[in-house]
Amino acid sequence: MVVYRKYGGALHWHHRGTLLGEDEHGVWVAAPPGTVARKGDGPPVTWETAIVMLFPRDAWWTASFHARPHRTDVYVDVTTVPEWRDGDVAELAEVTMVDLDLDVIRMRDGRLFLDDEDEFAEHQVLLGYPAEVVARAEETAAMLMTAVGSRQGPFGGAHEPWLALADRPG
């Protein structure tokens, strides 16, 4: 299970995933076409295209790489470091992290932008983000804008073999 929470513990996006493997970038998880996700206790949403997710071992972000024809190519959430719970990584019992609002998005047409800066500012007050969390989130977002924009590290095509495995109906 992939479980994103908001600061303070409220349930955010959550869905099932299939462990694909691990490489130097982190742990790769598939969400094939037909995966059903929910935002909190909201209505179910069925994803029409495959997504492969990357959970780095020691970084403050997670990434989703979308199959064509989805208009988003790469969607990176600034988060706390992903934690594996209720079993070994091999079982993919649960990976969880706190979503810190900021998102680095590269569209299929190459446009790159930082999203939800307003939500991040609002939640700093509303949810009481500690100063060190704010600083880490801002540093991470700046680093990701460079890495995703210039296709460095896992953002330069490392996802493609994993996405091929994920792009099968569930």
N, C-alpha and C. Protein backbone atom coordinates (compact mmCIF):
# COMPACT_ATOMS: atom_id res chain seq x y z
N MET A 1 0.85 -1.17 0.00
CA MET A 1 0.00 0.00 0.00
C MET A 1 0.90 1.24 0.00
N VAL A 2 0.54 2.21 -0.79
CA VAL A 2 1.23 3.50 -0.83
C VAL A 2 0.33 4.49 -0.10
N VAL A 3 0.86 5.11 0.95
CA VAL A 3 0.03 5.98 1.79
C VAL A 3 0.74 7.32 2.01
N TYR A 4 0.17 8.36 1.43
CA TYR A 4 0.64 9.72 1.69
C TYR A 4 -0.24 10.30 2.78
N ARG A 5 0.38 10.99 3.70
CA ARG A 5 -0.35 11.70 4.75
C ARG A 5 0.02 13.16 4.69
N LYS A 6 -0.77 13.98 5.32
CA LYS A 6 -0.45 15.40 5.49
C LYS A 6 0.19 15.58 6.85
N TYR A 7 0.86 16.68 7.05
CA TYR A 7 1.50 16.96 8.33
C TYR A 7 0.43 16.91 9.42
N GLY A 8 0.67 16.21 10.50
CA GLY A 8 -0.31 16.01 11.54
C GLY A 8 -1.01 14.67 11.45
N GLY A 9 -0.82 13.95 10.32
CA GLY A 9 -1.33 12.60 10.22
C GLY A 9 -2.55 12.36 9.37
N ALA A 10 -3.21 13.41 8.87
CA ALA A 10 -4.42 13.20 8.07
C ALA A 10 -4.08 12.42 6.80
N LEU A 11 -4.95 11.47 6.46
CA LEU A 11 -4.78 10.65 5.27
C LEU A 11 -4.89 11.51 4.02
N HIS A 12 -3.97 11.30 3.08
CA HIS A 12 -3.97 12.01 1.81
C HIS A 12 -4.15 10.96 0.71
N TRP A 13 -3.41 10.98 -0.37
CA TRP A 13 -3.56 9.98 -1.43
C TRP A 13 -3.10 8.62 -0.95
N HIS A 14 -3.84 7.57 -1.33
CA HIS A 14 -3.46 6.21 -0.97
C HIS A 14 -4.03 5.25 -2.01
N HIS A 15 -3.23 4.20 -2.28
CA HIS A 15 -3.60 3.21 -3.29
C HIS A 15 -2.69 2.00 -3.17
N ARG A 16 -3.07 0.93 -3.82
CA ARG A 16 -2.24 -0.27 -3.86
C ARG A 16 -1.12 -0.06 -4.87
N GLY A 17 -0.06 -0.81 -4.67
CA GLY A 17 1.06 -0.78 -5.60
C GLY A 17 1.72 -2.14 -5.63
N THR A 18 2.47 -2.38 -6.68
CA THR A 18 3.19 -3.64 -6.83
C THR A 18 4.68 -3.35 -6.86
N LEU A 19 5.40 -3.98 -5.96
CA LEU A 19 6.84 -3.81 -5.90
C LEU A 19 7.48 -4.33 -7.18
N LEU A 20 8.30 -3.49 -7.81
CA LEU A 20 9.01 -3.91 -9.02
C LEU A 20 10.46 -4.27 -8.72
N GLY A 21 11.10 -3.49 -7.86
CA GLY A 21 12.50 -3.75 -7.55
C GLY A 21 13.16 -2.50 -7.00
N GLU A 22 14.48 -2.58 -6.88
CA GLU A 22 15.25 -1.49 -6.31
C GLU A 22 16.54 -1.32 -7.10
N ASP A 23 16.96 -0.07 -7.27
CA ASP A 23 18.24 0.22 -7.90
C ASP A 23 18.92 1.34 -7.12
N GLU A 24 19.93 1.96 -7.72
CA GLU A 24 20.67 3.00 -7.02
C GLU A 24 19.83 4.23 -6.69
N HIS A 25 18.68 4.38 -7.33
CA HIS A 25 17.81 5.54 -7.09
C HIS A 25 16.82 5.31 -5.96
N GLY A 26 16.50 4.06 -5.68
CA GLY A 26 15.52 3.74 -4.64
C GLY A 26 14.65 2.57 -5.03
N VAL A 27 13.48 2.52 -4.43
CA VAL A 27 12.53 1.42 -4.62
C VAL A 27 11.48 1.85 -5.63
N TRP A 28 11.24 0.98 -6.62
CA TRP A 28 10.28 1.26 -7.69
C TRP A 28 9.01 0.43 -7.47
N VAL A 29 7.87 1.12 -7.60
CA VAL A 29 6.56 0.50 -7.37
C VAL A 29 5.65 0.83 -8.55
N ALA A 30 4.90 -0.16 -9.02
CA ALA A 30 4.00 0.02 -10.15
C ALA A 30 2.58 0.29 -9.68
N ALA A 31 1.93 1.16 -10.40
CA ALA A 31 0.48 1.36 -10.31
C ALA A 31 -0.02 1.22 -11.75
N PRO A 32 -0.45 0.00 -12.14
CA PRO A 32 -0.85 -0.24 -13.53
C PRO A 32 -2.14 0.47 -13.89
N PRO A 33 -2.46 0.52 -15.19
CA PRO A 33 -3.75 1.09 -15.59
C PRO A 33 -4.87 0.38 -14.83
N GLY A 34 -5.84 1.14 -14.39
CA GLY A 34 -6.95 0.58 -13.63
C GLY A 34 -6.75 0.66 -12.13
N THR A 35 -5.59 1.16 -11.67
CA THR A 35 -5.37 1.32 -10.24
C THR A 35 -6.39 2.31 -9.68
N VAL A 36 -6.97 1.95 -8.56
CA VAL A 36 -7.95 2.81 -7.89
C VAL A 36 -7.26 3.49 -6.70
N ALA A 37 -7.34 4.82 -6.68
CA ALA A 37 -6.73 5.61 -5.61
C ALA A 37 -7.81 6.48 -4.96
N ARG A 38 -7.51 6.92 -3.75
CA ARG A 38 -8.42 7.83 -3.04
C ARG A 38 -7.61 8.93 -2.39
N LYS A 39 -8.17 10.11 -2.35
CA LYS A 39 -7.58 11.24 -1.65
C LYS A 39 -8.34 11.37 -0.34
N GLY A 40 -7.65 10.98 0.76
CA GLY A 40 -8.34 10.96 2.05
C GLY A 40 -9.47 9.96 2.01
N ASP A 41 -10.68 10.41 2.43
CA ASP A 41 -11.84 9.53 2.35
C ASP A 41 -12.74 9.92 1.19
N GLY A 42 -12.15 10.63 0.22
CA GLY A 42 -12.89 11.06 -0.96
C GLY A 42 -13.26 9.89 -1.85
N PRO A 43 -13.95 10.19 -2.95
CA PRO A 43 -14.39 9.13 -3.85
C PRO A 43 -13.21 8.46 -4.56
N PRO A 44 -13.37 7.21 -4.94
CA PRO A 44 -12.30 6.51 -5.66
C PRO A 44 -12.06 7.15 -7.02
N VAL A 45 -10.79 7.14 -7.42
CA VAL A 45 -10.37 7.65 -8.72
C VAL A 45 -9.62 6.51 -9.41
N THR A 46 -10.01 6.19 -10.63
CA THR A 46 -9.34 5.12 -11.37
C THR A 46 -8.37 5.74 -12.36
N TRP A 47 -7.11 5.33 -12.28
CA TRP A 47 -6.09 5.85 -13.18
C TRP A 47 -6.12 5.09 -14.49
N GLU A 48 -6.17 5.81 -15.59
CA GLU A 48 -6.29 5.20 -16.90
C GLU A 48 -4.95 4.76 -17.48
N THR A 49 -3.87 5.41 -17.06
CA THR A 49 -2.55 5.05 -17.57
C THR A 49 -1.68 4.55 -16.43
N ALA A 50 -0.64 3.82 -16.79
CA ALA A 50 0.29 3.29 -15.80
C ALA A 50 1.12 4.41 -15.19
N ILE A 51 1.52 4.18 -13.95
CA ILE A 51 2.43 5.06 -13.25
C ILE A 51 3.47 4.17 -12.58
N VAL A 52 4.72 4.58 -12.64
CA VAL A 52 5.73 3.91 -11.85
C VAL A 52 6.23 4.95 -10.85
N MET A 53 6.31 4.53 -9.60
CA MET A 53 6.69 5.45 -8.52
C MET A 53 8.07 5.08 -8.00
N LEU A 54 8.82 6.11 -7.64
CA LEU A 54 10.15 5.93 -7.08
C LEU A 54 10.17 6.47 -5.66
N PHE A 55 10.60 5.62 -4.73
CA PHE A 55 10.72 5.99 -3.33
C PHE A 55 12.20 5.91 -2.95
N PRO A 56 12.89 7.06 -2.93
CA PRO A 56 14.31 7.03 -2.58
C PRO A 56 14.49 6.66 -1.11
N ARG A 57 15.64 6.11 -0.80
CA ARG A 57 15.91 5.63 0.55
C ARG A 57 16.18 6.75 1.56
N ASP A 58 16.68 7.88 1.11
CA ASP A 58 17.09 8.89 2.08
C ASP A 58 16.87 10.32 1.60
N ALA A 59 15.88 10.53 0.76
CA ALA A 59 15.62 11.87 0.23
C ALA A 59 14.21 12.33 0.61
N TRP A 60 14.02 13.64 0.59
CA TRP A 60 12.75 14.25 0.97
C TRP A 60 11.85 14.46 -0.24
N TRP A 61 11.62 13.39 -1.00
CA TRP A 61 10.74 13.46 -2.15
C TRP A 61 10.35 12.05 -2.58
N THR A 62 9.28 11.98 -3.37
CA THR A 62 8.89 10.77 -4.08
C THR A 62 8.52 11.20 -5.50
N ALA A 63 8.68 10.30 -6.45
CA ALA A 63 8.40 10.66 -7.85
C ALA A 63 7.44 9.68 -8.49
N SER A 64 6.62 10.21 -9.37
CA SER A 64 5.72 9.41 -10.20
C SER A 64 6.02 9.72 -11.66
N PHE A 65 6.20 8.66 -12.44
CA PHE A 65 6.49 8.78 -13.87
C PHE A 65 5.29 8.18 -14.60
N HIS A 66 4.67 8.98 -15.46
CA HIS A 66 3.41 8.58 -16.10
C HIS A 66 3.63 8.05 -17.51
N ALA A 67 2.87 7.00 -17.86
CA ALA A 67 2.90 6.46 -19.22
C ALA A 67 2.12 7.38 -20.16
N ARG A 68 2.50 7.34 -21.41
CA ARG A 68 1.74 8.06 -22.44
C ARG A 68 0.35 7.42 -22.55
N PRO A 69 -0.66 8.13 -22.85
CA PRO A 69 -0.68 9.50 -23.34
C PRO A 69 -0.90 10.55 -22.23
N HIS A 70 -0.72 10.18 -20.98
CA HIS A 70 -0.92 11.15 -19.90
C HIS A 70 -0.11 12.41 -20.19
N ARG A 71 -0.69 13.56 -19.92
CA ARG A 71 -0.02 14.82 -20.26
C ARG A 71 1.12 15.16 -19.31
N THR A 72 1.14 14.52 -18.12
CA THR A 72 2.23 14.72 -17.18
C THR A 72 3.28 13.66 -17.43
N ASP A 73 4.54 14.08 -17.50
CA ASP A 73 5.65 13.15 -17.67
C ASP A 73 6.17 12.73 -16.30
N VAL A 74 6.55 13.70 -15.48
CA VAL A 74 7.13 13.45 -14.16
C VAL A 74 6.43 14.35 -13.15
N TYR A 75 6.04 13.75 -12.02
CA TYR A 75 5.39 14.49 -10.93
C TYR A 75 6.14 14.12 -9.66
N VAL A 76 6.82 15.10 -9.07
CA VAL A 76 7.61 14.84 -7.88
C VAL A 76 7.01 15.57 -6.68
N ASP A 77 6.64 14.81 -5.68
CA ASP A 77 6.12 15.36 -4.43
C ASP A 77 7.27 15.62 -3.48
N VAL A 78 7.32 16.80 -2.89
CA VAL A 78 8.25 17.04 -1.80
C VAL A 78 7.59 16.44 -0.56
N THR A 79 8.30 15.52 0.09
CA THR A 79 7.75 14.76 1.22
C THR A 79 8.83 14.56 2.27
N THR A 80 8.43 13.99 3.38
CA THR A 80 9.43 13.48 4.31
C THR A 80 10.02 12.21 3.69
N VAL A 81 11.10 11.70 4.25
CA VAL A 81 11.73 10.48 3.73
C VAL A 81 10.73 9.33 3.83
N PRO A 82 10.51 8.59 2.73
CA PRO A 82 9.57 7.47 2.78
C PRO A 82 10.00 6.43 3.82
N GLU A 83 8.99 5.89 4.52
CA GLU A 83 9.21 4.87 5.55
C GLU A 83 8.44 3.61 5.16
N TRP A 84 9.11 2.48 5.34
CA TRP A 84 8.49 1.18 5.05
C TRP A 84 7.97 0.62 6.36
N ARG A 85 6.70 0.19 6.36
CA ARG A 85 6.06 -0.30 7.58
C ARG A 85 5.44 -1.67 7.37
N ASP A 86 5.21 -2.35 8.51
CA ASP A 86 4.50 -3.63 8.52
C ASP A 86 5.14 -4.68 7.64
N GLY A 87 6.44 -4.76 7.65
CA GLY A 87 7.10 -5.82 6.90
C GLY A 87 8.28 -5.31 6.11
N ASP A 88 8.90 -6.22 5.46
CA ASP A 88 10.06 -5.95 4.64
C ASP A 88 9.63 -5.21 3.38
N VAL A 89 10.56 -4.50 2.77
CA VAL A 89 10.27 -3.81 1.52
C VAL A 89 9.75 -4.79 0.48
N ALA A 90 10.30 -5.99 0.46
CA ALA A 90 9.90 -6.98 -0.54
C ALA A 90 8.41 -7.29 -0.50
N GLU A 91 7.78 -7.11 0.63
CA GLU A 91 6.35 -7.39 0.75
C GLU A 91 5.48 -6.21 0.35
N LEU A 92 6.07 -5.01 0.28
CA LEU A 92 5.33 -3.77 0.02
C LEU A 92 4.06 -3.70 0.86
N ALA A 93 4.20 -4.00 2.15
CA ALA A 93 3.07 -3.91 3.04
C ALA A 93 2.56 -2.47 3.07
N GLU A 94 3.49 -1.53 3.30
CA GLU A 94 3.11 -0.11 3.27
C GLU A 94 4.35 0.75 3.18
N VAL A 95 4.30 1.71 2.30
CA VAL A 95 5.29 2.77 2.28
C VAL A 95 4.50 4.05 2.55
N THR A 96 5.00 4.86 3.49
CA THR A 96 4.27 6.05 3.87
C THR A 96 5.22 7.22 4.03
N MET A 97 4.69 8.40 3.84
CA MET A 97 5.46 9.63 3.96
C MET A 97 4.49 10.78 4.16
N VAL A 98 5.02 11.93 4.57
CA VAL A 98 4.20 13.12 4.75
C VAL A 98 4.38 14.02 3.53
N ASP A 99 3.29 14.33 2.87
CA ASP A 99 3.30 15.22 1.72
C ASP A 99 3.43 16.65 2.23
N LEU A 100 4.45 17.36 1.75
CA LEU A 100 4.71 18.73 2.19
C LEU A 100 4.28 19.76 1.14
N ASP A 101 3.29 19.41 0.35
CA ASP A 101 2.58 20.31 -0.55
C ASP A 101 3.30 20.63 -1.85
N LEU A 102 4.57 21.01 -1.79
CA LEU A 102 5.28 21.44 -2.99
C LEU A 102 5.45 20.28 -3.97
N ASP A 103 5.21 20.57 -5.25
CA ASP A 103 5.32 19.57 -6.30
C ASP A 103 6.12 20.14 -7.46
N VAL A 104 7.06 19.37 -7.97
CA VAL A 104 7.80 19.73 -9.16
C VAL A 104 7.23 18.88 -10.29
N ILE A 105 6.74 19.54 -11.33
CA ILE A 105 6.03 18.84 -12.40
C ILE A 105 6.67 19.16 -13.74
N ARG A 106 6.96 18.10 -14.49
CA ARG A 106 7.41 18.26 -15.88
C ARG A 106 6.33 17.66 -16.76
N MET A 107 5.78 18.50 -17.60
CA MET A 107 4.73 18.06 -18.51
C MET A 107 5.35 17.36 -19.70
N ARG A 108 4.53 16.61 -20.42
CA ARG A 108 4.99 15.86 -21.59
C ARG A 108 5.60 16.81 -22.63
N ASP A 109 5.09 18.04 -22.72
CA ASP A 109 5.61 19.00 -23.70
C ASP A 109 6.88 19.71 -23.23
N GLY A 110 7.39 19.34 -22.04
CA GLY A 110 8.64 19.90 -21.55
C GLY A 110 8.50 21.03 -20.54
N ARG A 111 7.30 21.59 -20.42
CA ARG A 111 7.11 22.65 -19.41
C ARG A 111 7.42 22.12 -18.03
N LEU A 112 8.08 22.95 -17.22
CA LEU A 112 8.47 22.59 -15.86
C LEU A 112 7.98 23.67 -14.92
N PHE A 113 7.36 23.27 -13.80
CA PHE A 113 6.92 24.27 -12.84
C PHE A 113 6.85 23.71 -11.43
N LEU A 114 6.90 24.62 -10.49
CA LEU A 114 6.74 24.30 -9.07
C LEU A 114 5.30 24.62 -8.72
N ASP A 115 4.58 23.64 -8.20
CA ASP A 115 3.16 23.78 -7.93
C ASP A 115 2.88 23.81 -6.42
N ASP A 116 1.79 24.42 -6.06
CA ASP A 116 1.23 24.44 -4.70
C ASP A 116 2.06 25.23 -3.70
N GLU A 117 2.74 26.27 -4.17
CA GLU A 117 3.47 27.15 -3.24
C GLU A 117 2.50 27.84 -2.29
N ASP A 118 1.29 28.17 -2.77
CA ASP A 118 0.29 28.81 -1.93
C ASP A 118 -0.17 27.86 -0.82
N GLU A 119 -0.38 26.60 -1.16
CA GLU A 119 -0.79 25.60 -0.17
C GLU A 119 0.33 25.40 0.87
N PHE A 120 1.57 25.38 0.41
CA PHE A 120 2.71 25.23 1.30
C PHE A 120 2.76 26.39 2.30
N ALA A 121 2.56 27.61 1.83
CA ALA A 121 2.56 28.79 2.72
C ALA A 121 1.41 28.72 3.71
N GLU A 122 0.24 28.34 3.24
CA GLU A 122 -0.94 28.23 4.10
C GLU A 122 -0.75 27.16 5.18
N HIS A 123 -0.21 26.01 4.78
CA HIS A 123 -0.04 24.91 5.73
C HIS A 123 1.07 25.16 6.74
N GLN A 124 2.03 26.01 6.40
CA GLN A 124 3.06 26.36 7.39
C GLN A 124 2.41 26.95 8.63
N VAL A 125 1.36 27.74 8.42
CA VAL A 125 0.64 28.37 9.52
C VAL A 125 -0.41 27.42 10.09
N LEU A 126 -1.27 26.91 9.20
CA LEU A 126 -2.41 26.08 9.62
C LEU A 126 -1.98 24.78 10.31
N LEU A 127 -0.96 24.13 9.76
CA LEU A 127 -0.53 22.84 10.31
C LEU A 127 0.72 22.95 11.18
N GLY A 128 1.29 24.14 11.26
CA GLY A 128 2.42 24.36 12.16
C GLY A 128 3.70 23.67 11.75
N TYR A 129 4.08 23.77 10.46
CA TYR A 129 5.33 23.17 10.03
C TYR A 129 6.49 23.77 10.82
N PRO A 130 7.34 22.96 11.40
CA PRO A 130 8.54 23.48 12.07
C PRO A 130 9.47 24.15 11.05
N ALA A 131 10.26 25.09 11.52
CA ALA A 131 11.17 25.84 10.64
C ALA A 131 12.11 24.91 9.87
N GLU A 132 12.60 23.85 10.52
CA GLU A 132 13.52 22.94 9.83
C GLU A 132 12.83 22.16 8.72
N VAL A 133 11.53 21.87 8.87
CA VAL A 133 10.77 21.18 7.82
C VAL A 133 10.56 22.13 6.64
N VAL A 134 10.24 23.39 6.92
CA VAL A 134 10.06 24.39 5.87
C VAL A 134 11.36 24.54 5.08
N ALA A 135 12.47 24.69 5.78
CA ALA A 135 13.76 24.88 5.12
C ALA A 135 14.11 23.66 4.26
N ARG A 136 13.91 22.46 4.78
CA ARG A 136 14.24 21.24 4.04
C ARG A 136 13.36 21.11 2.81
N ALA A 137 12.06 21.43 2.94
CA ALA A 137 11.15 21.36 1.80
C ALA A 137 11.55 22.36 0.71
N GLU A 138 11.90 23.56 1.09
CA GLU A 138 12.30 24.58 0.11
C GLU A 138 13.61 24.19 -0.58
N GLU A 139 14.57 23.68 0.17
CA GLU A 139 15.84 23.23 -0.41
C GLU A 139 15.61 22.08 -1.39
N THR A 140 14.76 21.15 -0.98
CA THR A 140 14.46 19.99 -1.83
C THR A 140 13.78 20.42 -3.12
N ALA A 141 12.82 21.33 -3.03
CA ALA A 141 12.11 21.81 -4.22
C ALA A 141 13.08 22.49 -5.18
N ALA A 142 14.00 23.29 -4.67
CA ALA A 142 14.98 23.97 -5.53
C ALA A 142 15.88 22.95 -6.23
N MET A 143 16.34 21.96 -5.48
CA MET A 143 17.18 20.92 -6.06
C MET A 143 16.42 20.15 -7.13
N LEU A 144 15.17 19.83 -6.86
CA LEU A 144 14.36 19.07 -7.81
C LEU A 144 14.08 19.87 -9.09
N MET A 145 13.86 21.15 -8.97
CA MET A 145 13.64 21.98 -10.17
C MET A 145 14.84 21.85 -11.11
N THR A 146 16.03 21.87 -10.55
CA THR A 146 17.24 21.71 -11.36
C THR A 146 17.35 20.30 -11.92
N ALA A 147 17.21 19.29 -11.06
CA ALA A 147 17.39 17.90 -11.48
C ALA A 147 16.35 17.46 -12.50
N VAL A 148 15.09 17.76 -12.25
CA VAL A 148 14.02 17.35 -13.17
C VAL A 148 14.14 18.14 -14.48
N GLY A 149 14.41 19.44 -14.37
CA GLY A 149 14.53 20.28 -15.57
C GLY A 149 15.67 19.88 -16.48
N SER A 150 16.78 19.46 -15.90
CA SER A 150 17.95 19.08 -16.70
C SER A 150 18.07 17.56 -16.86
N ARG A 151 17.05 16.84 -16.41
CA ARG A 151 16.97 15.38 -16.56
C ARG A 151 18.18 14.67 -15.94
N GLN A 152 18.53 15.09 -14.72
CA GLN A 152 19.63 14.49 -13.97
C GLN A 152 19.12 13.32 -13.13
N GLY A 153 20.04 12.40 -12.83
CA GLY A 153 19.72 11.28 -11.94
C GLY A 153 18.56 10.47 -12.45
N PRO A 154 17.63 10.12 -11.57
CA PRO A 154 16.51 9.27 -11.98
C PRO A 154 15.55 9.97 -12.94
N PHE A 155 15.72 11.27 -13.14
CA PHE A 155 14.81 12.03 -14.00
C PHE A 155 15.29 12.07 -15.45
N GLY A 156 16.33 11.30 -15.76
CA GLY A 156 16.88 11.25 -17.10
C GLY A 156 16.56 9.98 -17.86
N GLY A 157 15.53 9.28 -17.47
CA GLY A 157 15.11 8.08 -18.19
C GLY A 157 15.25 6.79 -17.41
N ALA A 158 15.73 6.87 -16.17
CA ALA A 158 15.90 5.64 -15.36
C ALA A 158 14.58 4.91 -15.16
N HIS A 159 13.47 5.63 -15.26
CA HIS A 159 12.15 5.03 -15.03
C HIS A 159 11.65 4.17 -16.18
N GLU A 160 12.20 4.34 -17.38
CA GLU A 160 11.61 3.72 -18.56
C GLU A 160 11.51 2.19 -18.49
N PRO A 161 12.57 1.47 -18.08
CA PRO A 161 12.39 0.01 -17.98
C PRO A 161 11.36 -0.40 -16.92
N TRP A 162 11.30 0.37 -15.84
CA TRP A 162 10.32 0.08 -14.77
C TRP A 162 8.91 0.37 -15.26
N LEU A 163 8.75 1.47 -16.00
CA LEU A 163 7.42 1.83 -16.51
C LEU A 163 6.92 0.77 -17.50
N ALA A 164 7.81 0.21 -18.28
CA ALA A 164 7.40 -0.86 -19.20
C ALA A 164 6.80 -2.03 -18.44
N LEU A 165 7.34 -2.33 -17.25
CA LEU A 165 6.80 -3.41 -16.42
C LEU A 165 5.43 -3.04 -15.83
N ALA A 166 5.26 -1.74 -15.55
CA ALA A 166 4.02 -1.29 -14.91
C ALA A 166 2.87 -1.10 -15.88
N ASP A 167 3.18 -0.96 -17.15
CA ASP A 167 2.18 -0.60 -18.14
C ASP A 167 1.37 -1.80 -18.63
N ARG A 168 0.83 -2.52 -17.65
CA ARG A 168 -0.04 -3.67 -17.94
C ARG A 168 -1.26 -3.55 -17.03
N PRO A 169 -2.43 -3.82 -17.55
CA PRO A 169 -3.63 -3.71 -16.71
C PRO A 169 -3.51 -4.56 -15.44
N GLY A 170 -4.04 -4.00 -14.32
CA GLY A 170 -3.95 -4.67 -13.03
C GLY A 170 -5.00 -5.68 -12.78
